[in-house]
Amino acid sequence: MQNVLDKAAQIKLVVFDVDGVLTDGNLFFGDDGMEYKAFYARDGLGMKLLQKTGVEIGVITARSSQVVIHRMQNLSIDHVYQGNLDKLSAYLDLIGKLKLTPQQTAYVGDDVVDLAVMHRAGLAIAVADAHPLVKQHAHWITSNPGGRGAARDVCELIMQAQGTLENQLHSFL
């Protein structure tokens, strides 16, 4: 665990996949063709708290959805890459724009399409219900499944490693 905390202490950017990480992976389509996704409120609060500490957040997803744009705007997340089956090029573009090294980044995934980025990121994280191969290649696995607290686990791990968690939580007392 100390190795994970050492890696987490260096993180300046956390990149999340969407389906299966920020959501439970279910896709709902209405008769009108509209797509619906459920996001977990506690994950959102964790992301906001992490942003307050100066850590950037981004998302890279293979799908494109207006719901994702709306949720990310709600969370003040500007780094949104949608429709990227090649997640590695989106990741490299993002860290280039932010002038970060891979060691300063964490990537959170759940399926094999996330492995290329996980192999590059300084801290590779799999959600609890990730594909077994993804778990094999992760430095750390969340306690909670995707869409049900996994993102909060990640945010609190990084804040704990960087010594900012207690201050962020204390602000609510």
N, C-alpha and C. Protein backbone atom coordinates (compact mmCIF):
# COMPACT_ATOMS: atom_id res chain seq x y z
N MET A 1 0.83 -1.21 0.00
CA MET A 1 0.00 0.00 0.00
C MET A 1 0.87 1.27 0.00
N GLN A 2 2.04 1.19 0.64
CA GLN A 2 2.90 2.38 0.68
C GLN A 2 3.33 2.80 -0.71
N ASN A 3 3.59 1.83 -1.59
CA ASN A 3 3.95 2.14 -2.97
C ASN A 3 2.82 2.91 -3.67
N VAL A 4 1.58 2.49 -3.42
CA VAL A 4 0.42 3.18 -4.00
C VAL A 4 0.32 4.59 -3.46
N LEU A 5 0.50 4.76 -2.16
CA LEU A 5 0.44 6.10 -1.56
C LEU A 5 1.55 7.00 -2.10
N ASP A 6 2.74 6.43 -2.31
CA ASP A 6 3.84 7.21 -2.88
C ASP A 6 3.50 7.68 -4.29
N LYS A 7 2.90 6.81 -5.09
CA LYS A 7 2.49 7.18 -6.44
C LYS A 7 1.38 8.24 -6.38
N ALA A 8 0.41 8.04 -5.49
CA ALA A 8 -0.72 8.96 -5.37
C ALA A 8 -0.28 10.34 -4.90
N ALA A 9 0.79 10.41 -4.13
CA ALA A 9 1.28 11.70 -3.63
C ALA A 9 1.77 12.59 -4.77
N GLN A 10 2.12 12.01 -5.92
CA GLN A 10 2.66 12.77 -7.04
C GLN A 10 1.60 13.23 -8.04
N ILE A 11 0.35 12.82 -7.84
CA ILE A 11 -0.69 13.02 -8.85
C ILE A 11 -1.14 14.48 -8.93
N LYS A 12 -1.17 14.99 -10.16
CA LYS A 12 -1.67 16.34 -10.45
C LYS A 12 -2.89 16.29 -11.38
N LEU A 13 -3.16 15.11 -11.95
CA LEU A 13 -4.29 14.92 -12.86
C LEU A 13 -4.83 13.51 -12.67
N VAL A 14 -6.15 13.42 -12.48
CA VAL A 14 -6.82 12.12 -12.47
C VAL A 14 -7.74 12.07 -13.68
N VAL A 15 -7.61 11.01 -14.47
CA VAL A 15 -8.45 10.83 -15.65
C VAL A 15 -9.35 9.62 -15.40
N PHE A 16 -10.65 9.84 -15.58
CA PHE A 16 -11.63 8.79 -15.38
C PHE A 16 -12.23 8.37 -16.72
N ASP A 17 -12.45 7.07 -16.88
CA ASP A 17 -13.34 6.57 -17.90
C ASP A 17 -14.75 6.91 -17.41
N VAL A 18 -15.75 6.84 -18.27
CA VAL A 18 -17.11 7.17 -17.85
C VAL A 18 -17.93 5.90 -17.60
N ASP A 19 -18.29 5.19 -18.66
CA ASP A 19 -19.16 4.02 -18.52
C ASP A 19 -18.43 2.89 -17.79
N GLY A 20 -18.96 2.52 -16.64
CA GLY A 20 -18.35 1.48 -15.83
C GLY A 20 -17.45 2.02 -14.75
N VAL A 21 -17.15 3.31 -14.78
CA VAL A 21 -16.32 3.95 -13.75
C VAL A 21 -17.12 5.05 -13.05
N LEU A 22 -17.53 6.07 -13.80
CA LEU A 22 -18.37 7.12 -13.22
C LEU A 22 -19.84 6.72 -13.23
N THR A 23 -20.17 5.69 -14.00
CA THR A 23 -21.52 5.10 -13.98
C THR A 23 -21.34 3.61 -13.73
N ASP A 24 -22.45 2.92 -13.51
CA ASP A 24 -22.36 1.47 -13.28
C ASP A 24 -22.21 0.69 -14.58
N GLY A 25 -22.15 1.38 -15.69
CA GLY A 25 -21.95 0.74 -16.98
C GLY A 25 -23.23 0.45 -17.73
N ASN A 26 -24.37 0.59 -17.07
CA ASN A 26 -25.64 0.39 -17.76
C ASN A 26 -25.91 1.57 -18.69
N LEU A 27 -26.45 1.28 -19.86
CA LEU A 27 -26.84 2.31 -20.81
C LEU A 27 -28.35 2.23 -20.98
N PHE A 28 -29.02 3.33 -20.77
CA PHE A 28 -30.48 3.38 -20.89
C PHE A 28 -30.84 4.25 -22.08
N PHE A 29 -31.70 3.73 -22.95
CA PHE A 29 -32.15 4.48 -24.12
C PHE A 29 -33.66 4.57 -24.09
N GLY A 30 -34.19 5.79 -24.24
CA GLY A 30 -35.62 5.99 -24.31
C GLY A 30 -36.13 5.71 -25.71
N ASP A 31 -37.45 5.61 -25.84
CA ASP A 31 -38.07 5.39 -27.15
C ASP A 31 -37.72 6.51 -28.13
N ASP A 32 -37.40 7.68 -27.57
CA ASP A 32 -37.05 8.82 -28.41
C ASP A 32 -35.58 8.81 -28.84
N GLY A 33 -34.84 7.76 -28.43
CA GLY A 33 -33.43 7.66 -28.79
C GLY A 33 -32.50 8.36 -27.81
N MET A 34 -33.06 9.03 -26.82
CA MET A 34 -32.22 9.72 -25.82
C MET A 34 -31.50 8.69 -24.94
N GLU A 35 -30.28 9.03 -24.59
CA GLU A 35 -29.47 8.17 -23.73
C GLU A 35 -29.49 8.73 -22.32
N TYR A 36 -29.58 7.83 -21.35
CA TYR A 36 -29.60 8.22 -19.94
C TYR A 36 -28.52 7.47 -19.18
N LYS A 37 -27.89 8.15 -18.24
CA LYS A 37 -26.87 7.54 -17.39
C LYS A 37 -27.13 8.02 -15.96
N ALA A 38 -26.80 7.18 -15.01
CA ALA A 38 -26.92 7.55 -13.60
C ALA A 38 -25.52 7.78 -13.03
N PHE A 39 -25.33 8.94 -12.44
CA PHE A 39 -24.06 9.27 -11.77
C PHE A 39 -24.32 9.30 -10.27
N TYR A 40 -23.33 8.91 -9.49
CA TYR A 40 -23.44 8.80 -8.04
C TYR A 40 -23.02 10.13 -7.40
N ALA A 41 -23.90 10.70 -6.60
CA ALA A 41 -23.65 12.02 -6.01
C ALA A 41 -22.37 12.05 -5.17
N ARG A 42 -22.09 10.99 -4.42
CA ARG A 42 -20.89 10.99 -3.58
C ARG A 42 -19.61 11.02 -4.41
N ASP A 43 -19.66 10.39 -5.59
CA ASP A 43 -18.50 10.46 -6.49
C ASP A 43 -18.28 11.92 -6.90
N GLY A 44 -19.37 12.60 -7.24
CA GLY A 44 -19.28 13.99 -7.66
C GLY A 44 -18.70 14.88 -6.58
N LEU A 45 -19.13 14.68 -5.34
CA LEU A 45 -18.58 15.48 -4.23
C LEU A 45 -17.10 15.19 -4.06
N GLY A 46 -16.72 13.94 -4.15
CA GLY A 46 -15.30 13.59 -4.03
C GLY A 46 -14.47 14.29 -5.10
N MET A 47 -14.99 14.35 -6.31
CA MET A 47 -14.28 15.00 -7.41
C MET A 47 -14.17 16.50 -7.16
N LYS A 48 -15.23 17.10 -6.65
CA LYS A 48 -15.17 18.54 -6.33
C LYS A 48 -14.15 18.82 -5.23
N LEU A 49 -14.13 17.98 -4.20
CA LEU A 49 -13.17 18.16 -3.11
C LEU A 49 -11.74 18.02 -3.63
N LEU A 50 -11.51 17.04 -4.48
CA LEU A 50 -10.17 16.85 -5.04
C LEU A 50 -9.75 18.06 -5.86
N GLN A 51 -10.67 18.59 -6.65
CA GLN A 51 -10.36 19.79 -7.44
C GLN A 51 -9.98 20.95 -6.54
N LYS A 52 -10.62 21.08 -5.38
CA LYS A 52 -10.29 22.18 -4.45
C LYS A 52 -8.85 22.11 -3.98
N THR A 53 -8.25 20.91 -4.02
CA THR A 53 -6.86 20.78 -3.58
C THR A 53 -5.87 21.11 -4.69
N GLY A 54 -6.39 21.40 -5.89
CA GLY A 54 -5.51 21.76 -7.01
C GLY A 54 -5.25 20.64 -7.98
N VAL A 55 -5.81 19.46 -7.74
CA VAL A 55 -5.63 18.34 -8.67
C VAL A 55 -6.65 18.49 -9.80
N GLU A 56 -6.19 18.38 -11.03
CA GLU A 56 -7.05 18.47 -12.21
C GLU A 56 -7.78 17.15 -12.41
N ILE A 57 -8.95 17.22 -13.03
CA ILE A 57 -9.71 16.01 -13.37
C ILE A 57 -10.08 16.06 -14.84
N GLY A 58 -10.00 14.91 -15.48
CA GLY A 58 -10.42 14.78 -16.86
C GLY A 58 -11.17 13.49 -17.07
N VAL A 59 -11.89 13.41 -18.18
CA VAL A 59 -12.56 12.16 -18.56
C VAL A 59 -12.23 11.85 -20.01
N ILE A 60 -12.07 10.55 -20.26
CA ILE A 60 -11.88 10.06 -21.62
C ILE A 60 -12.83 8.89 -21.78
N THR A 61 -13.70 8.99 -22.77
CA THR A 61 -14.68 7.95 -22.99
C THR A 61 -14.80 7.61 -24.47
N ALA A 62 -15.03 6.35 -24.74
CA ALA A 62 -15.17 5.90 -26.13
C ALA A 62 -16.50 6.34 -26.72
N ARG A 63 -17.51 6.53 -25.88
CA ARG A 63 -18.83 6.93 -26.35
C ARG A 63 -18.96 8.45 -26.33
N SER A 64 -19.97 8.95 -27.02
CA SER A 64 -20.29 10.38 -27.00
C SER A 64 -21.71 10.55 -26.49
N SER A 65 -21.88 11.48 -25.55
CA SER A 65 -23.19 11.65 -24.95
C SER A 65 -23.35 13.07 -24.40
N GLN A 66 -24.49 13.67 -24.66
CA GLN A 66 -24.80 14.99 -24.10
C GLN A 66 -24.89 14.92 -22.57
N VAL A 67 -25.30 13.76 -22.05
CA VAL A 67 -25.41 13.58 -20.61
C VAL A 67 -24.05 13.78 -19.94
N VAL A 68 -23.01 13.26 -20.57
CA VAL A 68 -21.65 13.40 -20.03
C VAL A 68 -21.24 14.87 -20.03
N ILE A 69 -21.51 15.57 -21.12
CA ILE A 69 -21.18 16.99 -21.18
C ILE A 69 -21.87 17.74 -20.05
N HIS A 70 -23.15 17.47 -19.87
CA HIS A 70 -23.92 18.15 -18.82
C HIS A 70 -23.35 17.85 -17.43
N ARG A 71 -23.07 16.58 -17.14
CA ARG A 71 -22.55 16.23 -15.82
C ARG A 71 -21.17 16.84 -15.58
N MET A 72 -20.31 16.82 -16.57
CA MET A 72 -18.97 17.37 -16.39
C MET A 72 -19.03 18.89 -16.22
N GLN A 73 -19.93 19.57 -16.92
CA GLN A 73 -20.11 21.00 -16.70
C GLN A 73 -20.58 21.27 -15.28
N ASN A 74 -21.48 20.42 -14.80
CA ASN A 74 -21.99 20.53 -13.44
C ASN A 74 -20.87 20.41 -12.40
N LEU A 75 -19.86 19.59 -12.72
CA LEU A 75 -18.73 19.38 -11.80
C LEU A 75 -17.55 20.30 -12.10
N SER A 76 -17.70 21.22 -13.05
CA SER A 76 -16.63 22.14 -13.47
C SER A 76 -15.40 21.40 -13.98
N ILE A 77 -15.64 20.32 -14.72
CA ILE A 77 -14.55 19.55 -15.33
C ILE A 77 -14.46 19.96 -16.79
N ASP A 78 -13.32 20.55 -17.14
CA ASP A 78 -13.13 21.09 -18.49
C ASP A 78 -12.49 20.11 -19.46
N HIS A 79 -11.77 19.13 -18.94
CA HIS A 79 -11.00 18.21 -19.78
C HIS A 79 -11.86 16.99 -20.10
N VAL A 80 -12.65 17.11 -21.16
CA VAL A 80 -13.60 16.06 -21.54
C VAL A 80 -13.30 15.60 -22.97
N TYR A 81 -12.95 14.34 -23.11
CA TYR A 81 -12.67 13.73 -24.40
C TYR A 81 -13.71 12.64 -24.63
N GLN A 82 -14.58 12.83 -25.61
CA GLN A 82 -15.61 11.85 -25.93
C GLN A 82 -15.38 11.29 -27.32
N GLY A 83 -15.91 10.09 -27.55
CA GLY A 83 -15.81 9.46 -28.85
C GLY A 83 -14.39 9.03 -29.18
N ASN A 84 -13.62 8.69 -28.15
CA ASN A 84 -12.21 8.33 -28.34
C ASN A 84 -12.00 6.84 -28.08
N LEU A 85 -12.11 6.04 -29.14
CA LEU A 85 -11.79 4.63 -29.00
C LEU A 85 -10.30 4.46 -28.72
N ASP A 86 -9.49 5.36 -29.27
CA ASP A 86 -8.05 5.37 -28.99
C ASP A 86 -7.84 6.30 -27.81
N LYS A 87 -8.02 5.76 -26.63
CA LYS A 87 -7.92 6.58 -25.43
C LYS A 87 -6.49 7.07 -25.17
N LEU A 88 -5.51 6.31 -25.64
CA LEU A 88 -4.13 6.71 -25.41
C LEU A 88 -3.81 8.03 -26.08
N SER A 89 -4.26 8.25 -27.34
CA SER A 89 -3.95 9.53 -27.98
C SER A 89 -4.64 10.68 -27.27
N ALA A 90 -5.86 10.48 -26.77
CA ALA A 90 -6.54 11.53 -26.02
C ALA A 90 -5.78 11.83 -24.73
N TYR A 91 -5.32 10.79 -24.06
CA TYR A 91 -4.54 10.95 -22.83
C TYR A 91 -3.24 11.72 -23.10
N LEU A 92 -2.52 11.33 -24.14
CA LEU A 92 -1.27 12.01 -24.46
C LEU A 92 -1.51 13.47 -24.83
N ASP A 93 -2.60 13.74 -25.54
CA ASP A 93 -2.96 15.12 -25.87
C ASP A 93 -3.21 15.92 -24.59
N LEU A 94 -3.95 15.34 -23.67
CA LEU A 94 -4.29 16.03 -22.42
C LEU A 94 -3.05 16.31 -21.58
N ILE A 95 -2.20 15.31 -21.37
CA ILE A 95 -1.03 15.58 -20.53
C ILE A 95 -0.07 16.54 -21.22
N GLY A 96 -0.06 16.54 -22.55
CA GLY A 96 0.74 17.51 -23.29
C GLY A 96 0.23 18.92 -23.06
N LYS A 97 -1.08 19.12 -23.14
CA LYS A 97 -1.68 20.43 -22.91
C LYS A 97 -1.39 20.94 -21.50
N LEU A 98 -1.43 20.02 -20.52
CA LEU A 98 -1.23 20.41 -19.12
C LEU A 98 0.24 20.40 -18.71
N LYS A 99 1.11 19.99 -19.66
CA LYS A 99 2.56 19.92 -19.40
C LYS A 99 2.88 19.05 -18.18
N LEU A 100 2.29 17.86 -18.18
CA LEU A 100 2.50 16.90 -17.09
C LEU A 100 3.23 15.68 -17.61
N THR A 101 3.90 14.98 -16.72
CA THR A 101 4.51 13.71 -17.06
C THR A 101 3.52 12.60 -16.72
N PRO A 102 3.66 11.43 -17.31
CA PRO A 102 2.77 10.33 -16.96
C PRO A 102 2.78 10.01 -15.46
N GLN A 103 3.93 10.17 -14.79
CA GLN A 103 4.03 9.89 -13.36
C GLN A 103 3.14 10.83 -12.52
N GLN A 104 2.76 11.95 -13.09
CA GLN A 104 1.91 12.91 -12.38
C GLN A 104 0.42 12.66 -12.64
N THR A 105 0.12 11.53 -13.30
CA THR A 105 -1.26 11.25 -13.65
C THR A 105 -1.73 9.91 -13.10
N ALA A 106 -3.02 9.85 -12.82
CA ALA A 106 -3.70 8.60 -12.47
C ALA A 106 -4.78 8.37 -13.50
N TYR A 107 -5.01 7.12 -13.82
CA TYR A 107 -6.08 6.76 -14.75
C TYR A 107 -6.94 5.69 -14.10
N VAL A 108 -8.26 5.87 -14.20
CA VAL A 108 -9.20 4.94 -13.58
C VAL A 108 -10.03 4.29 -14.68
N GLY A 109 -9.94 2.97 -14.78
CA GLY A 109 -10.65 2.25 -15.82
C GLY A 109 -11.34 1.00 -15.31
N ASP A 110 -12.10 0.38 -16.22
CA ASP A 110 -12.85 -0.82 -15.86
C ASP A 110 -12.79 -1.92 -16.91
N ASP A 111 -12.35 -1.61 -18.14
CA ASP A 111 -12.39 -2.62 -19.19
C ASP A 111 -11.11 -2.56 -20.02
N VAL A 112 -10.95 -3.54 -20.90
CA VAL A 112 -9.70 -3.70 -21.63
C VAL A 112 -9.35 -2.49 -22.51
N VAL A 113 -10.33 -1.70 -22.94
CA VAL A 113 -10.03 -0.51 -23.74
C VAL A 113 -9.24 0.53 -22.93
N ASP A 114 -9.19 0.36 -21.61
CA ASP A 114 -8.48 1.30 -20.74
C ASP A 114 -7.02 0.91 -20.50
N LEU A 115 -6.64 -0.28 -20.89
CA LEU A 115 -5.31 -0.79 -20.55
C LEU A 115 -4.15 0.03 -21.14
N ALA A 116 -4.28 0.51 -22.36
CA ALA A 116 -3.19 1.27 -22.96
C ALA A 116 -2.84 2.50 -22.13
N VAL A 117 -3.87 3.20 -21.64
CA VAL A 117 -3.62 4.38 -20.80
C VAL A 117 -3.12 3.94 -19.42
N MET A 118 -3.71 2.90 -18.88
CA MET A 118 -3.28 2.42 -17.56
C MET A 118 -1.79 2.07 -17.56
N HIS A 119 -1.30 1.54 -18.66
CA HIS A 119 0.13 1.19 -18.74
C HIS A 119 1.03 2.42 -18.77
N ARG A 120 0.51 3.56 -19.18
CA ARG A 120 1.30 4.80 -19.25
C ARG A 120 1.22 5.62 -17.97
N ALA A 121 0.06 5.62 -17.33
CA ALA A 121 -0.17 6.49 -16.16
C ALA A 121 0.72 6.08 -14.99
N GLY A 122 1.08 7.06 -14.19
CA GLY A 122 1.88 6.80 -13.00
C GLY A 122 1.14 5.97 -11.97
N LEU A 123 -0.18 6.12 -11.92
CA LEU A 123 -1.00 5.35 -10.99
C LEU A 123 -2.19 4.80 -11.77
N ALA A 124 -2.18 3.49 -12.00
CA ALA A 124 -3.26 2.81 -12.73
C ALA A 124 -4.23 2.23 -11.72
N ILE A 125 -5.51 2.60 -11.87
CA ILE A 125 -6.53 2.18 -10.90
C ILE A 125 -7.65 1.46 -11.63
N ALA A 126 -8.08 0.34 -11.06
CA ALA A 126 -9.24 -0.39 -11.57
C ALA A 126 -10.37 -0.28 -10.54
N VAL A 127 -11.59 -0.18 -11.03
CA VAL A 127 -12.74 -0.20 -10.11
C VAL A 127 -12.96 -1.63 -9.64
N ALA A 128 -13.66 -1.79 -8.53
CA ALA A 128 -13.84 -3.09 -7.89
C ALA A 128 -14.45 -4.14 -8.82
N ASP A 129 -15.33 -3.72 -9.71
CA ASP A 129 -16.00 -4.66 -10.61
C ASP A 129 -15.42 -4.63 -12.03
N ALA A 130 -14.16 -4.25 -12.13
CA ALA A 130 -13.49 -4.20 -13.43
C ALA A 130 -13.26 -5.60 -13.99
N HIS A 131 -12.99 -5.65 -15.28
CA HIS A 131 -12.62 -6.89 -15.95
C HIS A 131 -11.37 -7.45 -15.26
N PRO A 132 -11.26 -8.77 -15.10
CA PRO A 132 -10.10 -9.36 -14.41
C PRO A 132 -8.74 -8.94 -14.98
N LEU A 133 -8.63 -8.79 -16.29
CA LEU A 133 -7.36 -8.38 -16.89
C LEU A 133 -6.99 -6.96 -16.48
N VAL A 134 -7.98 -6.10 -16.37
CA VAL A 134 -7.75 -4.72 -15.94
C VAL A 134 -7.25 -4.71 -14.49
N LYS A 135 -7.85 -5.53 -13.66
CA LYS A 135 -7.41 -5.63 -12.25
C LYS A 135 -5.97 -6.11 -12.16
N GLN A 136 -5.59 -7.04 -13.04
CA GLN A 136 -4.22 -7.57 -13.04
C GLN A 136 -3.19 -6.48 -13.33
N HIS A 137 -3.58 -5.49 -14.11
CA HIS A 137 -2.64 -4.45 -14.53
C HIS A 137 -2.77 -3.16 -13.72
N ALA A 138 -3.57 -3.18 -12.67
CA ALA A 138 -3.77 -1.99 -11.84
C ALA A 138 -2.78 -1.97 -10.68
N HIS A 139 -2.37 -0.76 -10.31
CA HIS A 139 -1.57 -0.58 -9.10
C HIS A 139 -2.48 -0.69 -7.87
N TRP A 140 -3.74 -0.30 -8.04
CA TRP A 140 -4.69 -0.26 -6.92
C TRP A 140 -6.09 -0.53 -7.45
N ILE A 141 -6.91 -1.19 -6.63
CA ILE A 141 -8.30 -1.49 -6.98
C ILE A 141 -9.19 -0.85 -5.92
N THR A 142 -10.21 -0.12 -6.37
CA THR A 142 -11.11 0.56 -5.44
C THR A 142 -11.92 -0.45 -4.64
N SER A 143 -12.43 -0.02 -3.50
CA SER A 143 -13.30 -0.87 -2.68
C SER A 143 -14.69 -0.95 -3.28
N ASN A 144 -15.11 0.14 -3.90
CA ASN A 144 -16.47 0.24 -4.44
C ASN A 144 -16.49 0.04 -5.95
N PRO A 145 -17.63 -0.44 -6.47
CA PRO A 145 -17.75 -0.63 -7.92
C PRO A 145 -17.94 0.68 -8.66
N GLY A 146 -17.80 0.61 -9.97
CA GLY A 146 -18.02 1.77 -10.82
C GLY A 146 -19.44 2.30 -10.66
N GLY A 147 -19.56 3.62 -10.59
CA GLY A 147 -20.86 4.27 -10.46
C GLY A 147 -21.47 4.17 -9.10
N ARG A 148 -20.75 3.60 -8.13
CA ARG A 148 -21.28 3.44 -6.77
C ARG A 148 -20.20 3.72 -5.73
N GLY A 149 -19.36 4.71 -5.97
CA GLY A 149 -18.37 5.11 -4.98
C GLY A 149 -16.93 4.91 -5.39
N ALA A 150 -16.68 4.31 -6.54
CA ALA A 150 -15.29 4.08 -6.96
C ALA A 150 -14.54 5.39 -7.15
N ALA A 151 -15.17 6.37 -7.77
CA ALA A 151 -14.49 7.67 -7.99
C ALA A 151 -14.20 8.34 -6.65
N ARG A 152 -15.10 8.22 -5.71
CA ARG A 152 -14.86 8.79 -4.38
C ARG A 152 -13.67 8.12 -3.71
N ASP A 153 -13.58 6.77 -3.85
CA ASP A 153 -12.43 6.05 -3.31
C ASP A 153 -11.13 6.62 -3.87
N VAL A 154 -11.10 6.86 -5.17
CA VAL A 154 -9.90 7.37 -5.84
C VAL A 154 -9.55 8.76 -5.30
N CYS A 155 -10.54 9.63 -5.25
CA CYS A 155 -10.31 11.01 -4.79
C CYS A 155 -9.78 11.03 -3.36
N GLU A 156 -10.37 10.21 -2.50
CA GLU A 156 -9.94 10.19 -1.09
C GLU A 156 -8.55 9.57 -0.95
N LEU A 157 -8.23 8.57 -1.77
CA LEU A 157 -6.89 7.99 -1.74
C LEU A 157 -5.85 9.06 -2.07
N ILE A 158 -6.09 9.82 -3.12
CA ILE A 158 -5.13 10.84 -3.53
C ILE A 158 -5.02 11.94 -2.49
N MET A 159 -6.16 12.39 -1.95
CA MET A 159 -6.10 13.42 -0.92
C MET A 159 -5.40 12.91 0.34
N GLN A 160 -5.62 11.65 0.69
CA GLN A 160 -4.93 11.06 1.84
C GLN A 160 -3.43 11.07 1.61
N ALA A 161 -3.01 10.64 0.43
CA ALA A 161 -1.58 10.57 0.11
C ALA A 161 -0.93 11.94 0.07
N GLN A 162 -1.71 12.96 -0.30
CA GLN A 162 -1.18 14.31 -0.41
C GLN A 162 -1.40 15.14 0.84
N GLY A 163 -1.99 14.53 1.87
CA GLY A 163 -2.18 15.22 3.14
C GLY A 163 -3.27 16.27 3.13
N THR A 164 -4.23 16.16 2.21
CA THR A 164 -5.30 17.17 2.12
C THR A 164 -6.68 16.65 2.51
N LEU A 165 -6.79 15.35 2.73
CA LEU A 165 -8.11 14.75 2.99
C LEU A 165 -8.75 15.27 4.28
N GLU A 166 -7.99 15.28 5.35
CA GLU A 166 -8.56 15.70 6.64
C GLU A 166 -9.08 17.13 6.57
N ASN A 167 -8.32 18.01 5.93
CA ASN A 167 -8.74 19.40 5.81
C ASN A 167 -10.02 19.52 4.98
N GLN A 168 -10.10 18.78 3.88
CA GLN A 168 -11.30 18.84 3.03
C GLN A 168 -12.53 18.32 3.78
N LEU A 169 -12.38 17.23 4.52
CA LEU A 169 -13.52 16.68 5.25
C LEU A 169 -13.87 17.55 6.46
N HIS A 170 -12.84 18.11 7.09
CA HIS A 170 -13.06 18.94 8.28
C HIS A 170 -13.88 20.19 7.96
N SER A 171 -13.82 20.63 6.71
CA SER A 171 -14.55 21.84 6.34
C SER A 171 -16.06 21.67 6.48
N PHE A 172 -16.53 20.44 6.64
CA PHE A 172 -17.97 20.20 6.79
C PHE A 172 -18.40 20.12 8.25
N LEU A 173 -17.45 20.17 9.17
CA LEU A 173 -17.78 20.08 10.60
C LEU A 173 -18.06 21.45 11.20
